[in-house]
PDB file of N, CA and C in Angstrom:
ATOM      1  N   MET A   1       0.833  -1.177   0.000  1.00  0.00           N
ATOM      2  CA  MET A   1       0.000   0.000   0.000  1.00  0.00           C
ATOM      3  C   MET A   1       0.885   1.251   0.000  1.00  0.00           C
ATOM      4  N   LYS A   2       0.602   2.192  -0.895  1.00  0.00           N
ATOM      5  CA  LYS A   2       1.369   3.429  -0.969  1.00  0.00           C
ATOM      6  C   LYS A   2       0.814   4.451   0.009  1.00  0.00           C
ATOM      7  N   THR A   3       1.710   5.237   0.566  1.00  0.00           N
ATOM      8  CA  THR A   3       1.325   6.308   1.465  1.00  0.00           C
ATOM      9  C   THR A   3       1.790   7.620   0.858  1.00  0.00           C
ATOM     10  N   TYR A   4       0.905   8.587   0.823  1.00  0.00           N
ATOM     11  CA  TYR A   4       1.222   9.877   0.246  1.00  0.00           C
ATOM     12  C   TYR A   4       1.206  10.953   1.319  1.00  0.00           C
ATOM     13  N   LEU A   5       1.988  11.992   1.110  1.00  0.00           N
ATOM     14  CA  LEU A   5       2.017  13.111   2.046  1.00  0.00           C
ATOM     15  C   LEU A   5       0.848  14.046   1.755  1.00  0.00           C
ATOM     16  N   GLU A   6       0.278  14.561   2.791  1.00  0.00           N
ATOM     17  CA  GLU A   6      -0.778  15.562   2.664  1.00  0.00           C
ATOM     18  C   GLU A   6      -0.118  16.913   2.395  1.00  0.00           C
ATOM     19  N   SER A   7      -0.876  17.859   1.854  1.00  0.00           N
ATOM     20  CA  SER A   7      -0.314  19.169   1.507  1.00  0.00           C
ATOM     21  C   SER A   7       0.223  19.901   2.740  1.00  0.00           C
ATOM     22  N   GLU A   8      -0.418  19.701   3.904  1.00  0.00           N
ATOM     23  CA  GLU A   8       0.070  20.327   5.136  1.00  0.00           C
ATOM     24  C   GLU A   8       1.433  19.762   5.533  1.00  0.00           C
ATOM     25  N   GLU A   9       1.630  18.474   5.314  1.00  0.00           N
ATOM     26  CA  GLU A   9       2.905  17.845   5.643  1.00  0.00           C
ATOM     27  C   GLU A   9       4.017  18.344   4.721  1.00  0.00           C
ATOM     28  N   ILE A  10       3.688  18.522   3.460  1.00  0.00           N
ATOM     29  CA  ILE A  10       4.670  19.048   2.501  1.00  0.00           C
ATOM     30  C   ILE A  10       5.041  20.474   2.870  1.00  0.00           C
ATOM     31  N   GLU A  11       4.041  21.265   3.265  1.00  0.00           N
ATOM     32  CA  GLU A  11       4.295  22.644   3.677  1.00  0.00           C
ATOM     33  C   GLU A  11       5.212  22.686   4.897  1.00  0.00           C
ATOM     34  N   LYS A  12       5.005  21.790   5.853  1.00  0.00           N
ATOM     35  CA  LYS A  12       5.873  21.710   7.041  1.00  0.00           C
ATOM     36  C   LYS A  12       7.302  21.348   6.644  1.00  0.00           C
ATOM     37  N   MET A  13       7.437  20.434   5.682  1.00  0.00           N
ATOM     38  CA  MET A  13       8.773  20.057   5.207  1.00  0.00           C
ATOM     39  C   MET A  13       9.470  21.254   4.578  1.00  0.00           C
ATOM     40  N   GLU A  14       8.735  22.015   3.752  1.00  0.00           N
ATOM     41  CA  GLU A  14       9.315  23.200   3.119  1.00  0.00           C
ATOM     42  C   GLU A  14       9.771  24.209   4.169  1.00  0.00           C
ATOM     43  N   LEU A  15       8.931  24.441   5.173  1.00  0.00           N
ATOM     44  CA  LEU A  15       9.263  25.416   6.211  1.00  0.00           C
ATOM     45  C   LEU A  15      10.444  24.979   7.064  1.00  0.00           C
ATOM     46  N   SER A  16      10.629  23.679   7.207  1.00  0.00           N
ATOM     47  CA  SER A  16      11.738  23.188   8.033  1.00  0.00           C
ATOM     48  C   SER A  16      13.040  23.042   7.249  1.00  0.00           C
ATOM     49  N   ALA A  17      13.007  23.242   5.947  1.00  0.00           N
ATOM     50  CA  ALA A  17      14.227  23.134   5.131  1.00  0.00           C
ATOM     51  C   ALA A  17      15.231  24.202   5.558  1.00  0.00           C
ATOM     52  N   ASN A  18      16.513  23.854   5.497  1.00  0.00           N
ATOM     53  CA  ASN A  18      17.571  24.740   5.990  1.00  0.00           C
ATOM     54  C   ASN A  18      17.963  25.858   5.035  1.00  0.00           C
ATOM     55  N   ASN A  19      17.696  25.686   3.748  1.00  0.00           N
ATOM     56  CA  ASN A  19      18.103  26.706   2.790  1.00  0.00           C
ATOM     57  C   ASN A  19      17.144  26.726   1.604  1.00  0.00           C
ATOM     58  N   PRO A  20      17.221  27.770   0.767  1.00  0.00           N
ATOM     59  CA  PRO A  20      16.298  27.897  -0.372  1.00  0.00           C
ATOM     60  C   PRO A  20      16.382  26.736  -1.358  1.00  0.00           C
ATOM     61  N   ARG A  21      17.568  26.172  -1.528  1.00  0.00           N
ATOM     62  CA  ARG A  21      17.725  25.049  -2.465  1.00  0.00           C
ATOM     63  C   ARG A  21      16.903  23.844  -1.996  1.00  0.00           C
ATOM     64  N   GLU A  22      16.981  23.539  -0.703  1.00  0.00           N
ATOM     65  CA  GLU A  22      16.217  22.415  -0.162  1.00  0.00           C
ATOM     66  C   GLU A  22      14.714  22.666  -0.269  1.00  0.00           C
ATOM     67  N   ARG A  23      14.276  23.899   0.034  1.00  0.00           N
ATOM     68  CA  ARG A  23      12.856  24.243  -0.085  1.00  0.00           C
ATOM     69  C   ARG A  23      12.377  24.060  -1.523  1.00  0.00           C
ATOM     70  N   LEU A  24      13.188  24.534  -2.457  1.00  0.00           N
ATOM     71  CA  LEU A  24      12.828  24.422  -3.867  1.00  0.00           C
ATOM     72  C   LEU A  24      12.778  22.962  -4.304  1.00  0.00           C
ATOM     73  N   LEU A  25      13.716  22.163  -3.868  1.00  0.00           N
ATOM     74  CA  LEU A  25      13.731  20.744  -4.222  1.00  0.00           C
ATOM     75  C   LEU A  25      12.484  20.037  -3.688  1.00  0.00           C
ATOM     76  N   ILE A  26      12.118  20.307  -2.455  1.00  0.00           N
ATOM     77  CA  ILE A  26      10.893  19.712  -1.883  1.00  0.00           C
ATOM     78  C   ILE A  26       9.682  20.129  -2.700  1.00  0.00           C
ATOM     79  N   ARG A  27       9.626  21.397  -3.073  1.00  0.00           N
ATOM     80  CA  ARG A  27       8.488  21.902  -3.845  1.00  0.00           C
ATOM     81  C   ARG A  27       8.432  21.252  -5.227  1.00  0.00           C
ATOM     82  N   LEU A  28       9.572  21.154  -5.907  1.00  0.00           N
ATOM     83  CA  LEU A  28       9.586  20.548  -7.243  1.00  0.00           C
ATOM     84  C   LEU A  28       9.155  19.090  -7.193  1.00  0.00           C
ATOM     85  N   LEU A  29       9.652  18.364  -6.206  1.00  0.00           N
ATOM     86  CA  LEU A  29       9.291  16.949  -6.088  1.00  0.00           C
ATOM     87  C   LEU A  29       7.807  16.780  -5.812  1.00  0.00           C
ATOM     88  N   SER A  30       7.263  17.620  -4.942  1.00  0.00           N
ATOM     89  CA  SER A  30       5.858  17.454  -4.565  1.00  0.00           C
ATOM     90  C   SER A  30       4.893  18.012  -5.604  1.00  0.00           C
ATOM     91  N   HIS A  31       5.227  19.125  -6.242  1.00  0.00           N
ATOM     92  CA  HIS A  31       4.304  19.757  -7.186  1.00  0.00           C
ATOM     93  C   HIS A  31       4.413  19.226  -8.607  1.00  0.00           C
ATOM     94  N   LEU A  32       5.610  18.804  -8.996  1.00  0.00           N
ATOM     95  CA  LEU A  32       5.792  18.320 -10.372  1.00  0.00           C
ATOM     96  C   LEU A  32       5.739  16.806 -10.468  1.00  0.00           C
ATOM     97  N   GLY A  33       5.964  16.124  -9.348  1.00  0.00           N
ATOM     98  CA  GLY A  33       5.951  14.672  -9.381  1.00  0.00           C
ATOM     99  C   GLY A  33       7.133  14.082 -10.117  1.00  0.00           C
ATOM    100  N   CYS A  34       8.256  14.784 -10.098  1.00  0.00           N
ATOM    101  CA  CYS A  34       9.440  14.280 -10.791  1.00  0.00           C
ATOM    102  C   CYS A  34      10.367  13.579  -9.806  1.00  0.00           C
ATOM    103  N   ARG A  35      11.322  12.868 -10.330  1.00  0.00           N
ATOM    104  CA  ARG A  35      12.321  12.182  -9.511  1.00  0.00           C
ATOM    105  C   ARG A  35      13.378  13.186  -9.047  1.00  0.00           C
ATOM    106  N   VAL A  36      14.111  12.813  -7.998  1.00  0.00           N
ATOM    107  CA  VAL A  36      15.169  13.685  -7.477  1.00  0.00           C
ATOM    108  C   VAL A  36      16.180  13.988  -8.576  1.00  0.00           C
ATOM    109  N   SER A  37      16.607  12.971  -9.312  1.00  0.00           N
ATOM    110  CA  SER A  37      17.604  13.176 -10.372  1.00  0.00           C
ATOM    111  C   SER A  37      17.075  14.120 -11.449  1.00  0.00           C
ATOM    112  N   GLU A  38      15.787  14.050 -11.753  1.00  0.00           N
ATOM    113  CA  GLU A  38      15.183  14.939 -12.757  1.00  0.00           C
ATOM    114  C   GLU A  38      15.131  16.377 -12.244  1.00  0.00           C
ATOM    115  N   ALA A  39      14.764  16.555 -10.982  1.00  0.00           N
ATOM    116  CA  ALA A  39      14.701  17.898 -10.401  1.00  0.00           C
ATOM    117  C   ALA A  39      16.096  18.522 -10.338  1.00  0.00           C
ATOM    118  N   LEU A  40      17.089  17.729  -9.960  1.00  0.00           N
ATOM    119  CA  LEU A  40      18.460  18.243  -9.874  1.00  0.00           C
ATOM    120  C   LEU A  40      19.051  18.557 -11.245  1.00  0.00           C
ATOM    121  N   ALA A  41      18.514  17.943 -12.289  1.00  0.00           N
ATOM    122  CA  ALA A  41      19.026  18.162 -13.645  1.00  0.00           C
ATOM    123  C   ALA A  41      18.413  19.380 -14.325  1.00  0.00           C
ATOM    124  N   ILE A  42      17.432  20.020 -13.692  1.00  0.00           N
ATOM    125  CA  ILE A  42      16.800  21.200 -14.296  1.00  0.00           C
ATOM    126  C   ILE A  42      17.804  22.333 -14.358  1.00  0.00           C
ATOM    127  N   SER A  43      17.903  22.948 -15.534  1.00  0.00           N
ATOM    128  CA  SER A  43      18.773  24.117 -15.684  1.00  0.00           C
ATOM    129  C   SER A  43      17.906  25.325 -16.029  1.00  0.00           C
ATOM    130  N   VAL A  44      18.505  26.502 -16.023  1.00  0.00           N
ATOM    131  CA  VAL A  44      17.766  27.733 -16.320  1.00  0.00           C
ATOM    132  C   VAL A  44      17.114  27.651 -17.695  1.00  0.00           C
ATOM    133  N   GLY A  45      17.784  27.019 -18.648  1.00  0.00           N
ATOM    134  CA  GLY A  45      17.244  26.893 -19.997  1.00  0.00           C
ATOM    135  C   GLY A  45      16.010  26.011 -20.081  1.00  0.00           C
ATOM    136  N   ASP A  46      15.764  25.205 -19.065  1.00  0.00           N
ATOM    137  CA  ASP A  46      14.589  24.330 -19.040  1.00  0.00           C
ATOM    138  C   ASP A  46      13.333  25.041 -18.545  1.00  0.00           C
ATOM    139  N   ILE A  47      13.495  26.254 -18.033  1.00  0.00           N
ATOM    140  CA  ILE A  47      12.371  26.989 -17.446  1.00  0.00           C
ATOM    141  C   ILE A  47      11.943  28.089 -18.416  1.00  0.00           C
ATOM    142  N   ASP A  48      10.663  28.089 -18.774  1.00  0.00           N
ATOM    143  CA  ASP A  48      10.093  29.157 -19.592  1.00  0.00           C
ATOM    144  C   ASP A  48       9.244  30.021 -18.674  1.00  0.00           C
ATOM    145  N   PHE A  49       9.807  31.160 -18.247  1.00  0.00           N
ATOM    146  CA  PHE A  49       9.121  32.024 -17.305  1.00  0.00           C
ATOM    147  C   PHE A  49       7.904  32.706 -17.928  1.00  0.00           C
ATOM    148  N   GLN A  50       7.937  32.945 -19.234  1.00  0.00           N
ATOM    149  CA  GLN A  50       6.793  33.569 -19.910  1.00  0.00           C
ATOM    150  C   GLN A  50       5.600  32.624 -19.992  1.00  0.00           C
ATOM    151  N   GLU A  51       5.869  31.383 -20.403  1.00  0.00           N
ATOM    152  CA  GLU A  51       4.808  30.378 -20.551  1.00  0.00           C
ATOM    153  C   GLU A  51       4.483  29.680 -19.227  1.00  0.00           C
ATOM    154  N   ARG A  52       5.338  29.899 -18.210  1.00  0.00           N
ATOM    155  CA  ARG A  52       5.156  29.313 -16.871  1.00  0.00           C
ATOM    156  C   ARG A  52       5.180  27.789 -16.907  1.00  0.00           C
ATOM    157  N   VAL A  53       6.199  27.250 -17.597  1.00  0.00           N
ATOM    158  CA  VAL A  53       6.367  25.801 -17.700  1.00  0.00           C
ATOM    159  C   VAL A  53       7.839  25.441 -17.498  1.00  0.00           C
ATOM    160  N   VAL A  54       8.071  24.194 -17.129  1.00  0.00           N
ATOM    161  CA  VAL A  54       9.424  23.659 -17.016  1.00  0.00           C
ATOM    162  C   VAL A  54       9.484  22.384 -17.844  1.00  0.00           C
ATOM    163  N   THR A  55      10.591  22.182 -18.519  1.00  0.00           N
ATOM    164  CA  THR A  55      10.796  20.981 -19.319  1.00  0.00           C
ATOM    165  C   THR A  55      11.645  20.016 -18.511  1.00  0.00           C
ATOM    166  N   ILE A  56      11.108  18.819 -18.316  1.00  0.00           N
ATOM    167  CA  ILE A  56      11.786  17.784 -17.541  1.00  0.00           C
ATOM    168  C   ILE A  56      12.239  16.690 -18.491  1.00  0.00           C
ATOM    169  N   GLN A  57      13.501  16.322 -18.383  1.00  0.00           N
ATOM    170  CA  GLN A  57      13.996  15.196 -19.164  1.00  0.00           C
ATOM    171  C   GLN A  57      13.877  13.946 -18.308  1.00  0.00           C
ATOM    172  N   HIS A  58      13.088  13.000 -18.770  1.00  0.00           N
ATOM    173  CA  HIS A  58      12.868  11.752 -18.038  1.00  0.00           C
ATOM    174  C   HIS A  58      14.148  10.934 -18.104  1.00  0.00           C
ATOM    175  N   LEU A  59      14.836  10.816 -16.983  1.00  0.00           N
ATOM    176  CA  LEU A  59      16.158  10.205 -16.964  1.00  0.00           C
ATOM    177  C   LEU A  59      16.150   8.705 -16.743  1.00  0.00           C
ATOM    178  N   LYS A  60      14.997   8.139 -16.465  1.00  0.00           N
ATOM    179  CA  LYS A  60      14.964   6.713 -16.174  1.00  0.00           C
ATOM    180  C   LYS A  60      14.283   5.944 -17.310  1.00  0.00           C
ATOM    181  N   THR A  61      14.571   6.320 -18.530  1.00  0.00           N
ATOM    182  CA  THR A  61      13.989   5.657 -19.683  1.00  0.00           C
ATOM    183  C   THR A  61      14.746   4.359 -19.967  1.00  0.00           C
ATOM    184  N   PRO A  62      14.059   3.239 -19.998  1.00  0.00           N
ATOM    185  CA  PRO A  62      14.749   1.991 -20.308  1.00  0.00           C
ATOM    186  C   PRO A  62      15.211   1.979 -21.762  1.00  0.00           C
ATOM    187  N   LEU A  63      16.402   1.503 -21.964  1.00  0.00           N
ATOM    188  CA  LEU A  63      16.926   1.413 -23.318  1.00  0.00           C
ATOM    189  C   LEU A  63      16.567   0.059 -23.912  1.00  0.00           C
ATOM    190  N   ARG A  64      16.019   0.091 -25.106  1.00  0.00           N
ATOM    191  CA  ARG A  64      15.720  -1.151 -25.818  1.00  0.00           C
ATOM    192  C   ARG A  64      16.634  -1.172 -27.034  1.00  0.00           C
ATOM    193  N   LEU A  65      17.673  -1.964 -26.937  1.00  0.00           N
ATOM    194  CA  LEU A  65      18.676  -2.003 -27.992  1.00  0.00           C
ATOM    195  C   LEU A  65      18.549  -3.281 -28.800  1.00  0.00           C
ATOM    196  N   ASP A  66      18.582  -3.126 -30.103  1.00  0.00           N
ATOM    197  CA  ASP A  66      18.539  -4.261 -31.021  1.00  0.00           C
ATOM    198  C   ASP A  66      19.687  -4.141 -32.007  1.00  0.00           C
ATOM    199  N   CYS A  67      20.186  -5.273 -32.428  1.00  0.00           N
ATOM    200  CA  CYS A  67      21.211  -5.309 -33.459  1.00  0.00           C
ATOM    201  C   CYS A  67      20.572  -4.840 -34.774  1.00  0.00           C
ATOM    202  N   PRO A  68      21.193  -3.891 -35.484  1.00  0.00           N
ATOM    203  CA  PRO A  68      20.617  -3.427 -36.743  1.00  0.00           C
ATOM    204  C   PRO A  68      20.690  -4.480 -37.857  1.00  0.00           C
ATOM    205  N   HIS A  69      21.492  -5.516 -37.647  1.00  0.00           N
ATOM    206  CA  HIS A  69      21.670  -6.535 -38.679  1.00  0.00           C
ATOM    207  C   HIS A  69      20.715  -7.724 -38.514  1.00  0.00           C
ATOM    208  N   CYS A  70      20.551  -8.195 -37.259  1.00  0.00           N
ATOM    209  CA  CYS A  70      19.744  -9.403 -37.063  1.00  0.00           C
ATOM    210  C   CYS A  70      18.614  -9.216 -36.045  1.00  0.00           C
ATOM    211  N   SER A  71      18.482  -8.024 -35.463  1.00  0.00           N
ATOM    212  CA  SER A  71      17.444  -7.675 -34.484  1.00  0.00           C
ATOM    213  C   SER A  71      17.566  -8.413 -33.154  1.00  0.00           C
ATOM    214  N   ALA A  72      18.725  -8.957 -32.853  1.00  0.00           N
ATOM    215  CA  ALA A  72      18.930  -9.602 -31.548  1.00  0.00           C
ATOM    216  C   ALA A  72      18.978  -8.526 -30.472  1.00  0.00           C
ATOM    217  N   LYS A  73      18.539  -8.860 -29.276  1.00  0.00           N
ATOM    218  CA  LYS A  73      18.573  -7.919 -28.160  1.00  0.00           C
ATOM    219  C   LYS A  73      20.012  -7.721 -27.698  1.00  0.00           C
ATOM    220  N   LEU A  74      20.329  -6.457 -27.360  1.00  0.00           N
ATOM    221  CA  LEU A  74      21.684  -6.093 -26.947  1.00  0.00           C
ATOM    222  C   LEU A  74      21.662  -5.422 -25.580  1.00  0.00           C
ATOM    223  N   ALA A  75      22.760  -5.520 -24.876  1.00  0.00           N
ATOM    224  CA  ALA A  75      22.979  -4.754 -23.657  1.00  0.00           C
ATOM    225  C   ALA A  75      23.773  -3.512 -24.030  1.00  0.00           C
ATOM    226  N   THR A  76      23.759  -2.500 -23.161  1.00  0.00           N
ATOM    227  CA  THR A  76      24.487  -1.270 -23.477  1.00  0.00           C
ATOM    228  C   THR A  76      25.985  -1.497 -23.578  1.00  0.00           C
ATOM    229  N   SER A  77      26.483  -2.551 -22.972  1.00  0.00           N
ATOM    230  CA  SER A  77      27.922  -2.819 -23.005  1.00  0.00           C
ATOM    231  C   SER A  77      28.367  -3.588 -24.249  1.00  0.00           C
ATOM    232  N   HIS A  78      27.425  -4.083 -25.034  1.00  0.00           N
ATOM    233  CA  HIS A  78      27.802  -4.863 -26.216  1.00  0.00           C
ATOM    234  C   HIS A  78      28.469  -3.998 -27.279  1.00  0.00           C
ATOM    235  N   VAL A  79      29.577  -4.498 -27.776  1.00  0.00           N
ATOM    236  CA  VAL A  79      30.253  -3.890 -28.922  1.00  0.00           C
ATOM    237  C   VAL A  79      29.988  -4.754 -30.156  1.00  0.00           C
ATOM    238  N   PHE A  80      29.864  -6.056 -29.914  1.00  0.00           N
ATOM    239  CA  PHE A  80      29.554  -7.003 -30.984  1.00  0.00           C
ATOM    240  C   PHE A  80      28.244  -7.713 -30.643  1.00  0.00           C
ATOM    241  N   CYS A  81      27.463  -8.007 -31.649  1.00  0.00           N
ATOM    242  CA  CYS A  81      26.202  -8.710 -31.463  1.00  0.00           C
ATOM    243  C   CYS A  81      26.474 -10.148 -31.022  1.00  0.00           C
ATOM    244  N   PRO A  82      25.819 -10.620 -29.954  1.00  0.00           N
ATOM    245  CA  PRO A  82      26.045 -11.985 -29.505  1.00  0.00           C
ATOM    246  C   PRO A  82      25.472 -13.031 -30.459  1.00  0.00           C
ATOM    247  N   GLN A  83      24.572 -12.619 -31.340  1.00  0.00           N
ATOM    248  CA  GLN A  83      23.958 -13.577 -32.262  1.00  0.00           C
ATOM    249  C   GLN A  83      24.683 -13.638 -33.602  1.00  0.00           C
ATOM    250  N   CYS A  84      24.883 -12.476 -34.246  1.00  0.00           N
ATOM    251  CA  CYS A  84      25.506 -12.494 -35.572  1.00  0.00           C
ATOM    252  C   CYS A  84      26.990 -12.147 -35.539  1.00  0.00           C
ATOM    253  N   GLY A  85      27.479 -11.582 -34.424  1.00  0.00           N
ATOM    254  CA  GLY A  85      28.897 -11.298 -34.276  1.00  0.00           C
ATOM    255  C   GLY A  85      29.371 -10.011 -34.926  1.00  0.00           C
ATOM    256  N   LEU A  86      28.472  -9.252 -35.543  1.00  0.00           N
ATOM    257  CA  LEU A  86      28.875  -7.996 -36.192  1.00  0.00           C
ATOM    258  C   LEU A  86      28.984  -6.866 -35.176  1.00  0.00           C
ATOM    259  N   LYS A  87      29.812  -5.862 -35.508  1.00  0.00           N
ATOM    260  CA  LYS A  87      30.025  -4.722 -34.634  1.00  0.00           C
ATOM    261  C   LYS A  87      28.754  -3.863 -34.567  1.00  0.00           C
ATOM    262  N   VAL A  88      28.357  -3.448 -33.355  1.00  0.00           N
ATOM    263  CA  VAL A  88      27.097  -2.713 -33.188  1.00  0.00           C
ATOM    264  C   VAL A  88      27.271  -1.395 -32.432  1.00  0.00           C
ATOM    265  N   GLU A  89      28.445  -0.824 -32.412  1.00  0.00           N
ATOM    266  CA  GLU A  89      28.666   0.425 -31.674  1.00  0.00           C
ATOM    267  C   GLU A  89      27.725   1.540 -32.124  1.00  0.00           C
ATOM    268  N   GLY A  90      27.487   1.673 -33.408  1.00  0.00           N
ATOM    269  CA  GLY A  90      26.601   2.718 -33.916  1.00  0.00           C
ATOM    270  C   GLY A  90      25.183   2.578 -33.396  1.00  0.00           C
ATOM    271  N   ALA A  91      24.668   1.376 -33.360  1.00  0.00           N
ATOM    272  CA  ALA A  91      23.303   1.140 -32.881  1.00  0.00           C
ATOM    273  C   ALA A  91      23.186   1.459 -31.401  1.00  0.00           C
ATOM    274  N   VAL A  92      24.197   1.118 -30.616  1.00  0.00           N
ATOM    275  CA  VAL A  92      24.172   1.380 -29.186  1.00  0.00           C
ATOM    276  C   VAL A  92      24.209   2.886 -28.938  1.00  0.00           C
ATOM    277  N   ALA A  93      25.110   3.596 -29.593  1.00  0.00           N
ATOM    278  CA  ALA A  93      25.233   5.036 -29.396  1.00  0.00           C
ATOM    279  C   ALA A  93      23.958   5.758 -29.805  1.00  0.00           C
ATOM    280  N   LYS A  94      23.343   5.353 -30.887  1.00  0.00           N
ATOM    281  CA  LYS A  94      22.121   5.989 -31.353  1.00  0.00           C
ATOM    282  C   LYS A  94      20.985   5.765 -30.357  1.00  0.00           C
ATOM    283  N   SER A  95      20.883   4.598 -29.803  1.00  0.00           N
ATOM    284  CA  SER A  95      19.822   4.289 -28.854  1.00  0.00           C
ATOM    285  C   SER A  95      20.002   5.025 -27.541  1.00  0.00           C
ATOM    286  N   LYS A  96      21.228   5.325 -27.135  1.00  0.00           N
ATOM    287  CA  LYS A  96      21.474   6.025 -25.887  1.00  0.00           C
ATOM    288  C   LYS A  96      20.997   7.474 -25.953  1.00  0.00           C
ATOM    289  N   GLU A  97      20.855   8.047 -27.127  1.00  0.00           N
ATOM    290  CA  GLU A  97      20.428   9.426 -27.274  1.00  0.00           C
ATOM    291  C   GLU A  97      18.942   9.607 -26.977  1.00  0.00           C
ATOM    292  N   TYR A  98      18.162   8.538 -26.973  1.00  0.00           N
ATOM    293  CA  TYR A  98      16.729   8.618 -26.761  1.00  0.00           C
ATOM    294  C   TYR A  98      16.419   9.001 -25.314  1.00  0.00           C
ATOM    295  N   ARG A  99      15.650  10.059 -25.144  1.00  0.00           N
ATOM    296  CA  ARG A  99      15.167  10.479 -23.828  1.00  0.00           C
ATOM    297  C   ARG A  99      13.739  10.994 -23.994  1.00  0.00           C
ATOM    298  N   ARG A 100      12.888  10.686 -23.029  1.00  0.00           N
ATOM    299  CA  ARG A 100      11.524  11.198 -23.064  1.00  0.00           C
ATOM    300  C   ARG A 100      11.520  12.553 -22.370  1.00  0.00           C
ATOM    301  N   ILE A 101      10.879  13.517 -22.977  1.00  0.00           N
ATOM    302  CA  ILE A 101      10.831  14.866 -22.433  1.00  0.00           C
ATOM    303  C   ILE A 101       9.376  15.235 -22.184  1.00  0.00           C
ATOM    304  N   ARG A 102       9.118  15.884 -21.041  1.00  0.00           N
ATOM    305  CA  ARG A 102       7.757  16.336 -20.760  1.00  0.00           C
ATOM    306  C   ARG A 102       7.803  17.773 -20.268  1.00  0.00           C
ATOM    307  N   THR A 103       6.771  18.512 -20.573  1.00  0.00           N
ATOM    308  CA  THR A 103       6.666  19.904 -20.171  1.00  0.00           C
ATOM    309  C   THR A 103       5.546  20.019 -19.152  1.00  0.00           C
ATOM    310  N   LEU A 104       5.863  20.613 -18.009  1.00  0.00           N
ATOM    311  CA  LEU A 104       4.909  20.691 -16.908  1.00  0.00           C
ATOM    312  C   LEU A 104       4.636  22.137 -16.516  1.00  0.00           C
ATOM    313  N   PRO A 105       3.388  22.444 -16.154  1.00  0.00           N
ATOM    314  CA  PRO A 105       3.053  23.815 -15.737  1.00  0.00           C
ATOM    315  C   PRO A 105       3.593  24.119 -14.345  1.00  0.00           C
ATOM    316  N   LEU A 106       3.892  25.386 -14.113  1.00  0.00           N
ATOM    317  CA  LEU A 106       4.391  25.834 -12.813  1.00  0.00           C
ATOM    318  C   LEU A 106       3.373  26.769 -12.169  1.00  0.00           C
ATOM    319  N   ASP A 107       3.107  26.573 -10.889  1.00  0.00           N
ATOM    320  CA  ASP A 107       2.230  27.495 -10.174  1.00  0.00           C
ATOM    321  C   ASP A 107       3.027  28.751  -9.821  1.00  0.00           C
ATOM    322  N   ASN A 108       2.332  29.801  -9.396  1.00  0.00           N
ATOM    323  CA  ASN A 108       2.984  31.088  -9.115  1.00  0.00           C
ATOM    324  C   ASN A 108       4.069  30.983  -8.057  1.00  0.00           C
ATOM    325  N   ASN A 109       3.805  30.263  -6.963  1.00  0.00           N
ATOM    326  CA  ASN A 109       4.786  30.160  -5.878  1.00  0.00           C
ATOM    327  C   ASN A 109       6.047  29.426  -6.327  1.00  0.00           C
ATOM    328  N   THR A 110       5.886  28.336  -7.054  1.00  0.00           N
ATOM    329  CA  THR A 110       7.048  27.575  -7.532  1.00  0.00           C
ATOM    330  C   THR A 110       7.844  28.396  -8.530  1.00  0.00           C
ATOM    331  N   LEU A 111       7.146  29.090  -9.420  1.00  0.00           N
ATOM    332  CA  LEU A 111       7.819  29.946 -10.403  1.00  0.00           C
ATOM    333  C   LEU A 111       8.621  31.048  -9.698  1.00  0.00           C
ATOM    334  N   GLU A 112       8.049  31.639  -8.670  1.00  0.00           N
ATOM    335  CA  GLU A 112       8.743  32.685  -7.922  1.00  0.00           C
ATOM    336  C   GLU A 112       9.964  32.118  -7.197  1.00  0.00           C
ATOM    337  N   MET A 113       9.827  30.927  -6.626  1.00  0.00           N
ATOM    338  CA  MET A 113      10.965  30.287  -5.951  1.00  0.00           C
ATOM    339  C   MET A 113      12.087  29.999  -6.952  1.00  0.00           C
ATOM    340  N   LEU A 114      11.727  29.539  -8.143  1.00  0.00           N
ATOM    341  CA  LEU A 114      12.744  29.285  -9.177  1.00  0.00           C
ATOM    342  C   LEU A 114      13.412  30.583  -9.595  1.00  0.00           C
ATOM    343  N   ARG A 115      12.638  31.616  -9.751  1.00  0.00           N
ATOM    344  CA  ARG A 115      13.184  32.919 -10.155  1.00  0.00           C
ATOM    345  C   ARG A 115      14.154  33.442  -9.086  1.00  0.00           C
ATOM    346  N   ASP A 116      13.776  33.329  -7.820  1.00  0.00           N
ATOM    347  CA  ASP A 116      14.636  33.804  -6.720  1.00  0.00           C
ATOM    348  C   ASP A 116      15.921  32.973  -6.617  1.00  0.00           C
ATOM    349  N   TYR A 117      15.778  31.641  -6.821  1.00  0.00           N
ATOM    350  CA  TYR A 117      16.938  30.779  -6.697  1.00  0.00           C
ATOM    351  C   TYR A 117      17.932  31.049  -7.810  1.00  0.00           C
TER     352      TYR A 117
END
């Protein structure tokens, strides 16, 4: 069974944070529903202050790698296909570039905290 924090509990966590960075991180995690690694990866270029949105790069995307020659499944460490034996570095590198991106709206308080930070 999952347990979720109530909004009052999140507010208490924000108020008890030691610095603005911690407060902002708590707010991003609770309001955007992103992972810690995703929140920490946000840069200024990911925030559109005019449109009031932030772009999050989903960092936990599973890689599905296939050999371009025989379609055998590959691991990220494979240099040669275990089935056909051909070199597959190009296929691995191309597949690693895939990332899912989502754009999320920002409320006024979160936007102001980002602007101040």
